Amino acid sequence: MAKIRVLPDSVARKIAAGEVIERPASVVKELVENSLDAGARRIVVEIAQGGRSRIAVTDDGEGIAREDAVIAFQPHATSKIRHDEDLRSISTLGFRGEALPSIAAVADVELWTCRRESDIGTHVRLHAGKPVVVEDVGAPPGCRIEVLDLFSTTPARRKFLKAATTEAGHVAQLVGRFALARPEIGFELRQDQRSPVTFPPAGRRERIRRVLGTELEAEMRTVEHDGAIRVAGFITHPHVALSHSRHILFFVNGRLVRDRLLQHALMAAYETLVPRGRYPGAVLSLEVPTEEVDVNVHPTKLEVRFRNGQAVHEAIGRAVRDGLTTRPARGGVEVVAEGRPVYAADSGAADRSPTSSSRALRLVPPPAAGRSPEPFVAAGPFSALRIVGQVFDGYLVCEGDGELWLIDQHAAHERVAFERLRTARSRGRVETQAMLMAQPVEVAAGEAELLAGAAEELAACGLEIEPFGDRTVLVRAVPALYPAPSIAPLLRAVAADLAETDRSRALHTATDALLATIACHSVVRVGQRLGETEMRALLAAMDEIEVNSNCPHGRPVARRMTRAELEGRFGR
């Protein structure tokens, strides 16, 4: 007997259905997408026992004509596709009829529908994928589909469902995401005996507040980028660092998608703003020409493929970076010079001159002979603060506008140095200072080759090196802001960073990581006492850079506490 057989149609349908219908939320997704394609303005989702026993989706869309109501449950039936060419430019969320046969293959289904221009509706009941009732009924315009006893015909699939509360949570999360994608449409979720969750038509920001919470919405800023690929939405302030990526949501032409390219573009833009292993929040919508995106690469239509992925990546990166850029209004006198800040090694003086150590970094230029340093003029929120002092030789204590500020001097100075390095690099090359004598630095096995291979990019970042044996390189020049005696730790850190660099990262991302390493080793550290002039210079420098909320490794620069919060801690 032949070993290879053609499966019965009923078995083949159940296997195909398993690719689309994984759990109750899968059913809800397919039905809600159909409702949206039908022009619905209000959609109600109902579930019982997490969707195991009943799922119902009701909409006020255009409805289905009687002659189409039965055909819609036949395999490969759709009103959206006529020719092969249509597959190259899909503008709908799904094909009405594509999901319905899959759902009917694994559950009992009932449909009530009525066209807007008709006085008579249609009722269809299906069992095991076959219609058992087709009749005229009175029904409001739109469509209502009930799915009963999900996976009743495939018990093996049913036993893999999670607890009812878990499945209900997935449905609730999905409805919330639809509400974010289409804020102009009203949604309602009804679960067993619980009070309904409603999302009346609203603006996108109000929807974010309702779905993701008031605290996260308050930390979000607008993103918008126009072009062949349009990006719009909201992203969180850099100091928000979540332990999960669940609040990163992408919508492509109105379709909720999971896409590694989009996530990578977002995280690359936050590369120097959030610590590794932490995530921002984002709700971003992309409008891409339909012929430039393939939405049929996965049965659930959650994944997409872009014809020009690089262009999409660049559009998101540019939009997010522009949205993250802070441009403080400048007033008064520009006080921060492009020189190198000084932090004196002498820690005994209460207020040292910024020129007391020629080997340290300078934030202010030395005053002319016989003249005192120019006073700092408030030009932004940081320089407007009143300095109270320094604690633990690492944190500035300031006050202003009814708030107490604690500022990490290393994180703040690191951000200043990084932004100056990045600005210089974007203009062509970082200013260097040549060594009087090339300094040999020994590195770990294999790291010399990594450094030599990246010599051109290192030189553009101000670090000029050349190989000198198997485990040694010669350093001939360093960035002008770098203290010469500390070359060896810097080079070893750069080598280690190159060893861990993902070669697939975009050039600007890899360069930012390199500049962040240089900045980190170039600046004042916790444990160095500062004088008031140096503190003032640092605060003024923070106002002169575009992004000043986090160090380039994602740690926060400052923490604030209102007077009311402080007094509350003392029971006032």
Protein backbone atom coordinates (compact mmCIF):
# COMPACT_ATOMS: atom_id res chain seq x y z
CA MET A 1 0.00 0.00 0.00
CA ALA A 2 1.12 3.55 -0.69
CA LYS A 3 2.47 5.38 2.38
CA ILE A 4 1.66 8.87 1.12
CA ARG A 5 -1.99 9.84 1.14
CA VAL A 6 -4.01 12.96 0.51
CA LEU A 7 -5.58 14.12 3.76
CA PRO A 8 -9.37 14.37 4.00
CA ASP A 9 -10.65 17.89 3.53
CA SER A 10 -11.91 18.09 7.12
CA VAL A 11 -8.46 17.22 8.51
CA ALA A 12 -6.69 19.61 6.16
CA ARG A 13 -8.99 22.42 7.26
CA LYS A 14 -8.21 21.82 10.93
CA ILE A 15 -4.47 21.85 10.25
CA ALA A 16 -4.78 25.08 8.27
CA ALA A 17 -6.95 26.57 11.00
CA GLY A 18 -4.23 25.81 13.55
CA GLU A 19 -1.89 28.20 11.74
CA VAL A 20 -4.34 31.08 12.18
CA ILE A 21 -6.30 30.28 15.34
CA GLU A 22 -3.95 29.72 18.25
CA ARG A 23 -6.13 30.90 21.14
CA PRO A 24 -9.28 32.98 21.78
CA ALA A 25 -7.40 36.20 21.14
CA SER A 26 -6.64 34.94 17.60
CA VAL A 27 -10.37 34.66 16.91
CA VAL A 28 -10.98 38.15 18.28
CA LYS A 29 -8.19 39.57 16.14
CA GLU A 30 -9.55 38.11 12.90
CA LEU A 31 -13.13 39.16 13.62
CA VAL A 32 -12.27 42.69 14.71
CA GLU A 33 -10.10 43.18 11.62
CA ASN A 34 -13.05 42.10 9.49
CA SER A 35 -15.24 44.63 11.32
CA LEU A 36 -12.74 47.41 10.69
CA ASP A 37 -12.53 46.52 7.01
CA ALA A 38 -16.33 46.68 6.90
CA GLY A 39 -16.23 50.33 7.99
CA ALA A 40 -17.49 49.80 11.54
CA ARG A 41 -17.56 52.81 13.85
CA ARG A 42 -18.39 50.83 16.99
CA ILE A 43 -17.20 47.31 17.86
CA VAL A 44 -18.26 45.24 20.88
CA VAL A 45 -16.26 42.17 21.93
CA GLU A 46 -17.77 39.67 24.38
CA ILE A 47 -16.07 36.62 25.90
CA ALA A 48 -17.09 33.98 28.41
CA GLN A 49 -14.62 31.82 30.34
CA GLY A 50 -11.71 33.61 28.67
CA GLY A 51 -13.20 32.87 25.26
CA ARG A 52 -13.31 29.10 25.70
CA SER A 53 -17.10 28.82 25.74
CA ARG A 54 -18.12 31.91 23.80
CA ILE A 55 -16.66 34.75 21.76
CA ALA A 56 -18.87 37.34 20.11
CA VAL A 57 -17.95 40.36 18.01
CA THR A 58 -20.66 42.85 17.03
CA ASP A 59 -20.14 45.80 14.70
CA ASP A 60 -22.15 48.47 12.89
CA GLY A 61 -20.30 48.02 9.61
CA GLU A 62 -21.71 47.50 6.14
CA GLY A 63 -22.90 43.94 6.80
CA ILE A 64 -22.97 40.92 4.46
CA ALA A 65 -25.57 40.19 1.79
CA ARG A 66 -27.48 36.90 2.06
CA GLU A 67 -25.88 35.45 -1.07
CA ASP A 68 -22.44 36.10 0.44
CA ALA A 69 -23.17 34.96 3.99
CA VAL A 70 -22.67 31.24 3.24
CA ILE A 71 -19.89 31.70 0.68
CA ALA A 72 -17.91 33.68 3.26
CA PHE A 73 -17.30 30.46 5.24
CA GLN A 74 -15.90 28.55 2.27
CA PRO A 75 -12.11 28.17 1.99
CA HIS A 76 -10.33 30.92 0.07
CA ALA A 77 -13.47 33.03 -0.25
CA THR A 78 -12.79 36.78 -0.14
CA SER A 79 -14.21 40.06 -1.36
CA LYS A 80 -10.80 41.76 -1.38
CA ILE A 81 -8.84 39.91 -4.08
CA ARG A 82 -9.67 39.37 -7.75
CA HIS A 83 -6.33 38.99 -9.55
CA ASP A 84 -2.69 38.15 -8.81
CA GLU A 85 -1.81 41.83 -9.07
CA ASP A 86 -4.06 42.60 -6.08
CA LEU A 87 -1.68 40.68 -3.81
CA ARG A 88 1.03 43.24 -4.51
CA SER A 89 -0.95 46.13 -3.05
CA ILE A 90 -3.13 45.12 -0.10
CA SER A 91 -4.81 48.02 1.67
CA THR A 92 -7.15 46.04 3.96
CA LEU A 93 -6.45 44.43 7.32
CA GLY A 94 -7.51 41.01 6.17
CA PHE A 95 -9.72 39.08 3.81
CA ARG A 96 -13.25 38.60 5.04
CA GLY A 97 -13.76 34.91 4.39
CA GLU A 98 -10.14 33.89 4.90
CA ALA A 99 -10.43 33.69 8.70
CA LEU A 100 -14.05 32.56 8.88
CA PRO A 101 -13.43 29.05 7.45
CA SER A 102 -10.56 28.55 9.89
CA ILE A 103 -12.74 29.56 12.84
CA ALA A 104 -15.65 27.40 11.66
CA ALA A 105 -13.28 24.42 11.38
CA VAL A 106 -12.51 24.47 15.12
CA ALA A 107 -15.77 25.74 16.67
CA ASP A 108 -19.50 26.18 16.17
CA VAL A 109 -20.28 29.56 14.61
CA GLU A 110 -23.37 31.71 14.24
CA LEU A 111 -23.69 34.82 12.11
CA TRP A 112 -26.35 37.55 12.15
CA THR A 113 -25.91 40.25 9.55
CA CYS A 114 -27.81 42.91 7.65
CA ARG A 115 -26.73 45.30 4.93
CA ARG A 116 -27.21 48.97 5.74
CA GLU A 117 -29.57 49.47 2.83
CA SER A 118 -31.62 46.30 3.55
CA ASP A 119 -34.64 45.73 5.79
CA ILE A 120 -34.06 41.96 6.13
CA GLY A 121 -31.04 40.33 7.69
CA THR A 122 -29.53 36.86 7.48
CA HIS A 123 -28.83 34.22 10.13
CA VAL A 124 -26.34 31.42 9.44
CA ARG A 125 -25.40 28.63 11.85
CA LEU A 126 -22.46 26.31 11.13
CA HIS A 127 -21.40 23.04 12.73
CA ALA A 128 -18.13 21.29 11.84
CA GLY A 129 -17.63 23.95 9.19
CA LYS A 130 -20.92 23.18 7.40
CA PRO A 131 -24.01 25.45 7.37
CA VAL A 132 -26.97 23.84 9.14
CA VAL A 133 -29.22 26.92 9.24
CA VAL A 134 -29.60 29.72 6.69
CA GLU A 135 -32.62 31.96 7.23
CA ASP A 136 -33.99 35.48 6.99
CA VAL A 137 -34.20 37.39 10.27
CA GLY A 138 -34.63 40.87 11.57
CA ALA A 139 -31.21 42.30 12.47
CA PRO A 140 -29.66 45.74 12.90
CA PRO A 141 -27.25 46.95 10.23
CA GLY A 142 -23.82 45.41 10.64
CA CYS A 143 -22.62 42.01 11.68
CA ARG A 144 -22.57 39.82 14.80
CA ILE A 145 -20.54 36.61 14.90
CA GLU A 146 -20.61 34.20 17.83
CA VAL A 147 -17.99 31.48 18.23
CA LEU A 148 -19.01 28.70 20.63
CA ASP A 149 -16.91 25.98 22.28
CA LEU A 150 -13.58 26.90 20.72
CA PHE A 151 -11.48 23.86 19.73
CA SER A 152 -14.38 21.53 20.52
CA THR A 153 -13.51 19.58 17.36
CA THR A 154 -9.78 19.53 18.18
CA PRO A 155 -9.46 18.49 21.84
CA ALA A 156 -5.68 18.29 21.57
CA ARG A 157 -5.57 22.02 20.87
CA ARG A 158 -8.09 22.84 23.59
CA LYS A 159 -5.97 21.31 26.35
CA PHE A 160 -3.13 23.68 25.51
CA LEU A 161 -5.23 26.72 26.38
CA LYS A 162 -4.19 28.54 29.54
CA ALA A 163 -6.42 29.41 32.48
CA ALA A 164 -9.52 31.45 31.66
CA THR A 165 -8.05 34.54 33.35
CA THR A 166 -4.88 34.27 31.26
CA GLU A 167 -6.78 33.93 28.00
CA ALA A 168 -9.06 36.81 28.99
CA GLY A 169 -5.96 38.91 29.64
CA HIS A 170 -4.71 38.27 26.11
CA VAL A 171 -8.07 39.33 24.69
CA ALA A 172 -8.15 42.49 26.81
CA GLN A 173 -4.63 43.40 25.74
CA LEU A 174 -5.54 42.87 22.09
CA VAL A 175 -8.67 45.03 22.29
CA GLY A 176 -6.61 47.77 23.91
CA ARG A 177 -4.13 47.64 21.04
CA PHE A 178 -6.91 47.90 18.48
CA ALA A 179 -8.18 50.89 20.43
CA LEU A 180 -4.73 52.48 20.15
CA ALA A 181 -4.55 51.79 16.42
CA ARG A 182 -7.97 53.29 15.68
CA PRO A 183 -8.76 55.98 18.26
CA GLU A 184 -11.61 57.34 16.14
CA ILE A 185 -13.57 54.10 16.60
CA GLY A 186 -15.45 53.09 19.75
CA PHE A 187 -14.59 49.74 21.33
CA GLU A 188 -16.19 47.85 24.19
CA LEU A 189 -15.09 44.64 25.93
CA ARG A 190 -17.51 42.56 28.00
CA GLN A 191 -16.22 39.69 30.13
CA ASP A 192 -18.51 37.38 32.08
CA GLN A 193 -19.94 39.31 35.04
CA ARG A 194 -17.37 42.12 35.02
CA SER A 195 -18.18 45.73 34.24
CA PRO A 196 -17.62 46.50 30.56
CA VAL A 197 -14.38 48.18 29.51
CA THR A 198 -15.20 50.97 27.08
CA PHE A 199 -13.06 53.05 24.76
CA PRO A 200 -15.20 55.85 23.33
CA PRO A 201 -13.83 57.67 20.27
CA ALA A 202 -10.98 59.92 21.37
CA GLY A 203 -7.62 61.37 20.40
CA ARG A 204 -4.54 59.14 20.28
CA ARG A 205 -3.05 60.59 23.46
CA GLU A 206 -6.28 60.02 25.39
CA ARG A 207 -6.33 56.44 24.12
CA ILE A 208 -2.76 55.94 25.33
CA ARG A 209 -3.82 57.23 28.74
CA ARG A 210 -6.73 54.77 28.82
CA VAL A 211 -4.78 51.77 27.56
CA LEU A 212 -1.24 52.19 28.86
CA GLY A 213 -1.92 54.34 31.91
CA THR A 214 -1.71 57.98 32.94
CA GLU A 215 1.87 57.75 34.23
CA LEU A 216 3.29 56.41 30.98
CA GLU A 217 1.25 58.80 28.84
CA ALA A 218 2.56 61.75 30.87
CA GLU A 219 6.11 60.77 29.93
CA MET A 220 5.39 60.60 26.20
CA ARG A 221 6.34 63.09 23.55
CA THR A 222 5.10 63.43 19.98
CA VAL A 223 6.96 61.92 17.03
CA GLU A 224 6.30 62.87 13.44
CA HIS A 225 8.25 62.36 10.24
CA ASP A 226 6.92 63.05 6.73
CA GLY A 227 8.25 61.48 3.59
CA ALA A 228 7.68 58.47 1.36
CA ILE A 229 7.40 56.58 4.64
CA ARG A 230 5.45 58.57 7.22
CA VAL A 231 6.00 57.95 10.93
CA ALA A 232 3.76 59.41 13.63
CA GLY A 233 2.97 58.61 17.22
CA PHE A 234 4.40 58.90 20.72
CA ILE A 235 7.56 57.78 22.51
CA THR A 236 8.56 57.99 26.15
CA HIS A 237 11.02 60.43 27.64
CA PRO A 238 14.54 58.95 27.82
CA HIS A 239 14.45 58.58 31.60
CA VAL A 240 11.67 55.98 31.28
CA ALA A 241 13.31 52.54 31.27
CA LEU A 242 10.87 49.62 31.43
CA SER A 243 11.79 46.03 32.24
CA HIS A 244 9.74 44.70 29.30
CA SER A 245 8.92 45.60 25.71
CA ARG A 246 5.15 45.10 25.95
CA HIS A 247 4.55 48.84 25.63
CA ILE A 248 6.35 49.06 22.30
CA LEU A 249 3.61 48.95 19.66
CA PHE A 250 3.89 49.36 15.91
CA PHE A 251 1.07 49.82 13.41
CA VAL A 252 1.79 49.59 9.69
CA ASN A 253 -0.99 51.05 7.54
CA GLY A 254 -3.32 50.57 10.50
CA ARG A 255 -2.28 46.95 11.08
CA LEU A 256 -0.81 45.85 14.43
CA VAL A 257 2.49 44.10 13.66
CA ARG A 258 5.43 42.48 15.41
CA ASP A 259 8.58 43.20 13.45
CA ARG A 260 12.24 42.88 14.41
CA LEU A 261 13.30 45.57 11.95
CA LEU A 262 10.98 48.13 13.50
CA GLN A 263 12.00 47.19 17.05
CA HIS A 264 15.69 47.36 16.12
CA ALA A 265 15.26 50.82 14.60
CA LEU A 266 13.55 52.09 17.76
CA MET A 267 16.10 50.59 20.14
CA ALA A 268 18.99 51.89 18.02
CA ALA A 269 17.62 55.42 18.43
CA TYR A 270 17.54 54.88 22.21
CA GLU A 271 21.00 53.26 22.18
CA THR A 272 22.63 55.86 24.40
CA LEU A 273 19.53 56.70 26.42
CA VAL A 274 18.32 53.52 28.13
CA PRO A 275 20.44 50.86 29.83
CA ARG A 276 20.86 47.50 28.16
CA GLY A 277 18.03 45.15 28.98
CA ARG A 278 15.60 48.03 29.51
CA TYR A 279 13.03 49.42 27.09
CA PRO A 280 11.18 52.64 26.28
CA GLY A 281 7.47 52.89 25.61
CA ALA A 282 6.32 53.71 22.09
CA VAL A 283 3.15 53.80 20.03
CA LEU A 284 4.21 54.39 16.43
CA SER A 285 2.16 54.31 13.24
CA LEU A 286 3.79 53.93 9.85
CA GLU A 287 2.19 54.76 6.54
CA VAL A 288 3.99 52.82 3.82
CA PRO A 289 2.93 52.57 0.14
CA THR A 290 0.97 49.32 -0.06
CA GLU A 291 3.15 48.01 -2.87
CA GLU A 292 6.19 48.41 -0.59
CA VAL A 293 4.99 46.05 2.15
CA ASP A 294 3.94 42.39 2.05
CA VAL A 295 1.37 41.56 4.73
CA ASN A 296 0.86 37.95 3.71
CA VAL A 297 4.13 36.47 4.95
CA HIS A 298 2.48 34.92 8.02
CA PRO A 299 -0.96 33.32 8.45
CA THR A 300 -1.85 35.57 11.39
CA LYS A 301 -0.73 38.69 9.49
CA LEU A 302 1.21 39.87 12.54
CA GLU A 303 4.47 39.91 10.59
CA VAL A 304 5.22 41.95 7.49
CA ARG A 305 8.06 42.23 5.00
CA PHE A 306 9.25 45.53 3.58
CA ARG A 307 10.63 45.88 0.08
CA ASN A 308 13.11 48.52 1.30
CA GLY A 309 13.79 47.69 4.93
CA GLN A 310 16.71 50.13 5.14
CA ALA A 311 14.46 53.06 4.22
CA VAL A 312 11.93 52.03 6.88
CA HIS A 313 14.71 51.65 9.46
CA GLU A 314 16.09 55.09 8.65
CA ALA A 315 12.64 56.74 8.75
CA ILE A 316 11.92 55.39 12.23
CA GLY A 317 15.40 56.22 13.49
CA ARG A 318 15.21 59.78 12.20
CA ALA A 319 11.71 60.33 13.60
CA VAL A 320 12.58 58.96 17.03
CA ARG A 321 15.89 60.79 17.30
CA ASP A 322 14.19 64.06 16.33
CA GLY A 323 11.47 63.39 18.89
CA LEU A 324 14.03 62.73 21.62
CA THR A 325 16.03 65.85 20.89
CA THR A 326 15.58 68.54 23.51
CA ARG A 327 16.32 72.03 22.33
CA PRO A 328 16.21 74.35 25.35
CA ALA A 329 15.32 77.95 24.68
CA ARG A 330 18.44 80.05 24.99
CA GLY A 331 18.40 83.27 26.90
CA GLY A 332 21.11 85.44 28.37
CA VAL A 333 24.76 84.92 27.46
CA GLU A 334 26.27 81.75 26.05
CA VAL A 335 28.75 80.78 28.74
CA VAL A 336 30.07 77.34 27.92
CA ALA A 337 33.18 77.33 25.79
CA GLU A 338 34.33 74.51 23.55
CA GLY A 339 37.44 74.06 25.66
CA ARG A 340 38.14 71.19 28.02
CA PRO A 341 36.69 71.27 31.55
CA VAL A 342 39.04 71.20 34.51
CA TYR A 343 38.53 69.19 37.66
CA ALA A 344 41.52 69.76 39.90
CA ALA A 345 43.24 66.89 41.65
CA ASP A 346 43.50 69.04 44.78
CA SER A 347 40.38 68.31 46.81
CA GLY A 348 41.05 70.57 49.72
CA ALA A 349 40.00 73.90 48.27
CA ALA A 350 36.42 74.95 48.63
CA ASP A 351 36.32 76.69 45.24
CA ARG A 352 39.22 75.98 42.94
CA SER A 353 40.07 77.74 39.74
CA PRO A 354 39.11 75.78 36.62
CA THR A 355 42.72 76.01 35.46
CA SER A 356 44.31 74.29 38.44
CA SER A 357 45.08 71.03 36.61
CA SER A 358 46.38 71.05 33.06
CA ARG A 359 45.72 67.33 32.65
CA ALA A 360 42.04 67.38 33.58
CA LEU A 361 39.03 68.22 31.45
CA ARG A 362 37.87 71.81 31.14
CA LEU A 363 34.31 73.00 31.01
CA VAL A 364 35.32 76.67 30.98
CA PRO A 365 38.30 78.35 29.34
CA PRO A 366 41.01 79.85 31.56
CA PRO A 367 40.45 83.56 32.33
CA ALA A 368 42.76 86.13 30.79
CA ALA A 369 45.78 87.06 32.89
CA GLY A 370 44.85 89.25 35.82
CA ARG A 371 41.08 88.76 35.30
CA SER A 372 38.55 86.75 37.27
CA PRO A 373 36.38 84.17 35.51
CA GLU A 374 33.25 85.60 33.90
CA PRO A 375 30.10 84.99 35.97
CA PHE A 376 27.71 82.38 34.65
CA VAL A 377 24.39 83.69 33.31
CA ALA A 378 21.38 81.41 33.51
CA ALA A 379 20.60 80.21 29.98
CA GLY A 380 18.43 77.19 30.75
CA PRO A 381 16.82 75.06 33.46
CA PHE A 382 20.06 73.57 34.79
CA SER A 383 22.08 76.78 35.00
CA ALA A 384 19.10 78.50 36.65
CA LEU A 385 19.33 76.15 39.66
CA ARG A 386 20.75 77.34 42.97
CA ILE A 387 23.63 75.10 44.03
CA VAL A 388 23.29 73.93 47.63
CA GLY A 389 26.41 71.78 47.61
CA GLN A 390 27.92 68.39 46.81
CA VAL A 391 27.37 65.12 48.69
CA PHE A 392 29.42 61.91 48.67
CA ASP A 393 31.86 63.66 46.31
CA GLY A 394 29.68 62.68 43.39
CA TYR A 395 26.25 64.29 43.50
CA LEU A 396 25.25 67.93 43.21
CA VAL A 397 22.41 69.13 45.42
CA CYS A 398 20.45 72.00 43.89
CA GLU A 399 17.08 73.67 44.20
CA GLY A 400 14.89 75.62 41.87
CA ASP A 401 11.26 76.32 41.10
CA GLY A 402 10.03 74.54 44.22
CA GLU A 403 12.00 71.35 43.57
CA LEU A 404 15.01 69.60 45.06
CA TRP A 405 17.48 68.31 42.44
CA LEU A 406 20.12 65.60 42.84
CA ILE A 407 22.51 65.51 39.88
CA ASP A 408 24.99 62.72 39.16
CA GLN A 409 28.13 64.63 38.20
CA HIS A 410 29.66 61.73 36.25
CA ALA A 411 26.48 60.98 34.27
CA ALA A 412 25.96 64.69 33.54
CA HIS A 413 29.53 65.32 32.43
CA GLU A 414 29.54 62.09 30.42
CA ARG A 415 26.49 63.27 28.49
CA VAL A 416 28.12 66.64 27.79
CA ALA A 417 31.31 65.01 26.52
CA PHE A 418 29.36 62.48 24.42
CA GLU A 419 27.20 65.13 22.75
CA ARG A 420 30.26 67.26 21.94
CA LEU A 421 32.08 64.26 20.52
CA ARG A 422 29.07 63.23 18.46
CA THR A 423 28.59 66.75 17.12
CA ALA A 424 32.27 66.93 16.11
CA ARG A 425 32.07 63.48 14.51
CA SER A 426 28.99 64.46 12.51
CA ARG A 427 30.92 67.44 11.16
CA GLY A 428 33.67 65.18 9.86
CA ARG A 429 36.22 64.44 12.55
CA VAL A 430 36.83 64.80 16.27
CA GLU A 431 39.60 67.23 17.21
CA THR A 432 42.69 65.39 18.44
CA GLN A 433 45.80 66.06 20.46
CA ALA A 434 48.94 64.28 19.26
CA MET A 435 51.11 62.40 21.73
CA LEU A 436 54.66 63.67 22.14
CA MET A 437 55.69 60.03 21.88
CA ALA A 438 53.47 57.21 20.65
CA GLN A 439 52.34 55.22 23.68
CA PRO A 440 52.24 51.42 23.48
CA VAL A 441 49.24 49.74 25.08
CA GLU A 442 48.98 45.98 25.61
CA VAL A 443 45.54 44.45 25.06
CA ALA A 444 44.04 40.96 25.29
CA ALA A 445 44.62 38.29 22.66
CA GLY A 446 42.70 39.08 19.49
CA GLU A 447 41.84 42.63 20.52
CA ALA A 448 44.77 44.17 18.64
CA GLU A 449 43.29 42.81 15.39
CA LEU A 450 39.88 44.26 16.28
CA LEU A 451 41.41 47.67 16.96
CA ALA A 452 43.42 47.58 13.74
CA GLY A 453 40.35 46.62 11.77
CA ALA A 454 38.47 49.60 13.17
CA ALA A 455 41.40 52.04 12.85
CA GLU A 456 39.66 54.27 10.30
CA GLU A 457 36.52 54.75 12.40
CA LEU A 458 38.61 55.16 15.56
CA ALA A 459 40.60 57.93 13.86
CA ALA A 460 37.36 59.69 12.89
CA CYS A 461 36.44 59.55 16.58
CA GLY A 462 39.78 61.12 17.57
CA LEU A 463 41.69 57.97 18.52
CA GLU A 464 44.66 57.32 16.19
CA ILE A 465 46.31 53.92 16.65
CA GLU A 466 48.46 51.46 14.71
CA PRO A 467 49.36 47.78 15.31
CA PHE A 468 52.60 47.06 17.15
CA GLY A 469 52.93 43.32 17.59
CA ASP A 470 50.41 40.60 18.38
CA ARG A 471 48.97 42.13 21.54
CA THR A 472 50.14 45.73 21.43
CA VAL A 473 49.01 48.87 19.64
CA LEU A 474 50.60 52.29 19.49
CA VAL A 475 48.45 55.29 20.37
CA ARG A 476 49.54 58.37 18.42
CA ALA A 477 46.66 60.75 19.17
CA VAL A 478 43.60 60.95 21.42
CA PRO A 479 40.50 63.18 21.42
CA ALA A 480 41.38 66.72 22.48
CA LEU A 481 39.11 66.49 25.50
CA TYR A 482 40.81 63.33 26.80
CA PRO A 483 43.31 63.36 29.72
CA ALA A 484 46.48 61.82 28.29
CA PRO A 485 47.62 59.71 31.31
CA SER A 486 44.50 57.50 31.10
CA ILE A 487 45.02 56.09 27.60
CA ALA A 488 45.48 52.42 28.51
CA PRO A 489 42.11 51.96 30.32
CA LEU A 490 40.34 53.73 27.47
CA LEU A 491 41.90 51.60 24.75
CA ARG A 492 41.17 48.39 26.62
CA ALA A 493 37.56 49.48 27.09
CA VAL A 494 37.27 50.31 23.38
CA ALA A 495 38.74 46.90 22.45
CA ALA A 496 36.27 45.14 24.74
CA ASP A 497 33.42 47.14 23.23
CA LEU A 498 34.50 46.18 19.71
CA ALA A 499 34.63 42.53 20.75
CA GLU A 500 31.01 42.68 21.87
CA THR A 501 29.77 44.81 18.96
CA ASP A 502 27.03 43.28 16.87
CA ARG A 503 28.35 43.57 13.34
CA SER A 504 24.81 43.99 12.04
CA ARG A 505 24.37 47.27 13.88
CA ALA A 506 24.08 50.41 11.80
CA LEU A 507 27.26 52.47 11.49
CA HIS A 508 25.88 55.43 13.48
CA THR A 509 24.87 53.05 16.28
CA ALA A 510 28.31 51.44 16.47
CA THR A 511 29.93 54.88 16.35
CA ASP A 512 27.72 56.16 19.17
CA ALA A 513 28.75 53.18 21.31
CA LEU A 514 32.40 54.00 20.65
CA LEU A 515 31.93 57.69 21.46
CA ALA A 516 30.05 56.75 24.64
CA THR A 517 33.04 54.67 25.77
CA ILE A 518 35.43 57.53 25.06
CA ALA A 519 33.17 59.99 26.88
CA CYS A 520 32.84 57.72 29.91
CA HIS A 521 36.62 57.54 30.34
CA SER A 522 37.09 61.26 29.70
CA VAL A 523 35.07 62.85 32.46
CA VAL A 524 34.92 63.50 36.16
CA ARG A 525 33.97 60.51 38.28
CA VAL A 526 32.16 59.99 41.53
CA GLY A 527 34.69 60.62 44.28
CA GLN A 528 36.07 63.87 42.88
CA ARG A 529 35.15 66.97 44.83
CA LEU A 530 34.14 69.97 42.76
CA GLY A 531 34.27 73.66 43.44
CA GLU A 532 31.35 75.98 42.81
CA THR A 533 32.85 77.28 39.55
CA GLU A 534 33.15 73.74 38.23
CA MET A 535 29.60 72.88 39.32
CA ARG A 536 28.30 76.02 37.64
CA ALA A 537 30.20 75.16 34.46
CA LEU A 538 28.74 71.66 34.43
CA LEU A 539 25.17 72.88 34.90
CA ALA A 540 25.61 75.48 32.16
CA ALA A 541 27.05 72.83 29.84
CA MET A 542 23.98 70.66 30.39
CA ASP A 543 21.83 73.47 29.01
CA GLU A 544 23.97 73.68 25.88
CA ILE A 545 23.35 70.14 24.64
CA GLU A 546 20.25 68.81 22.92
CA VAL A 547 19.73 65.66 25.01
CA ASN A 548 20.48 66.02 28.70
CA SER A 549 18.25 63.59 30.59
CA ASN A 550 20.47 60.49 30.58
CA CYS A 551 24.09 59.54 30.24
CA PRO A 552 24.98 57.75 26.97
CA HIS A 553 24.60 54.40 28.74
CA GLY A 554 21.04 55.19 29.77
CA ARG A 555 21.47 56.11 33.43
CA PRO A 556 19.52 59.17 34.60
CA VAL A 557 21.40 62.42 35.03
CA ALA A 558 19.11 63.93 37.67
CA ARG A 559 16.36 63.05 40.11
CA ARG A 560 13.84 65.60 41.33
CA MET A 561 11.59 65.87 44.36
CA THR A 562 8.96 68.54 44.83
CA ARG A 563 8.74 70.51 48.04
CA ALA A 564 5.41 68.83 48.77
CA GLU A 565 6.98 65.37 48.43
CA LEU A 566 9.85 66.37 50.72
CA GLU A 567 7.54 67.82 53.35
CA GLY A 568 5.34 64.72 53.13
CA ARG A 569 8.32 62.59 54.17
CA PHE A 570 8.51 64.66 57.35
CA GLY A 571 4.79 64.50 58.02
CA ARG A 572 4.16 68.17 57.28
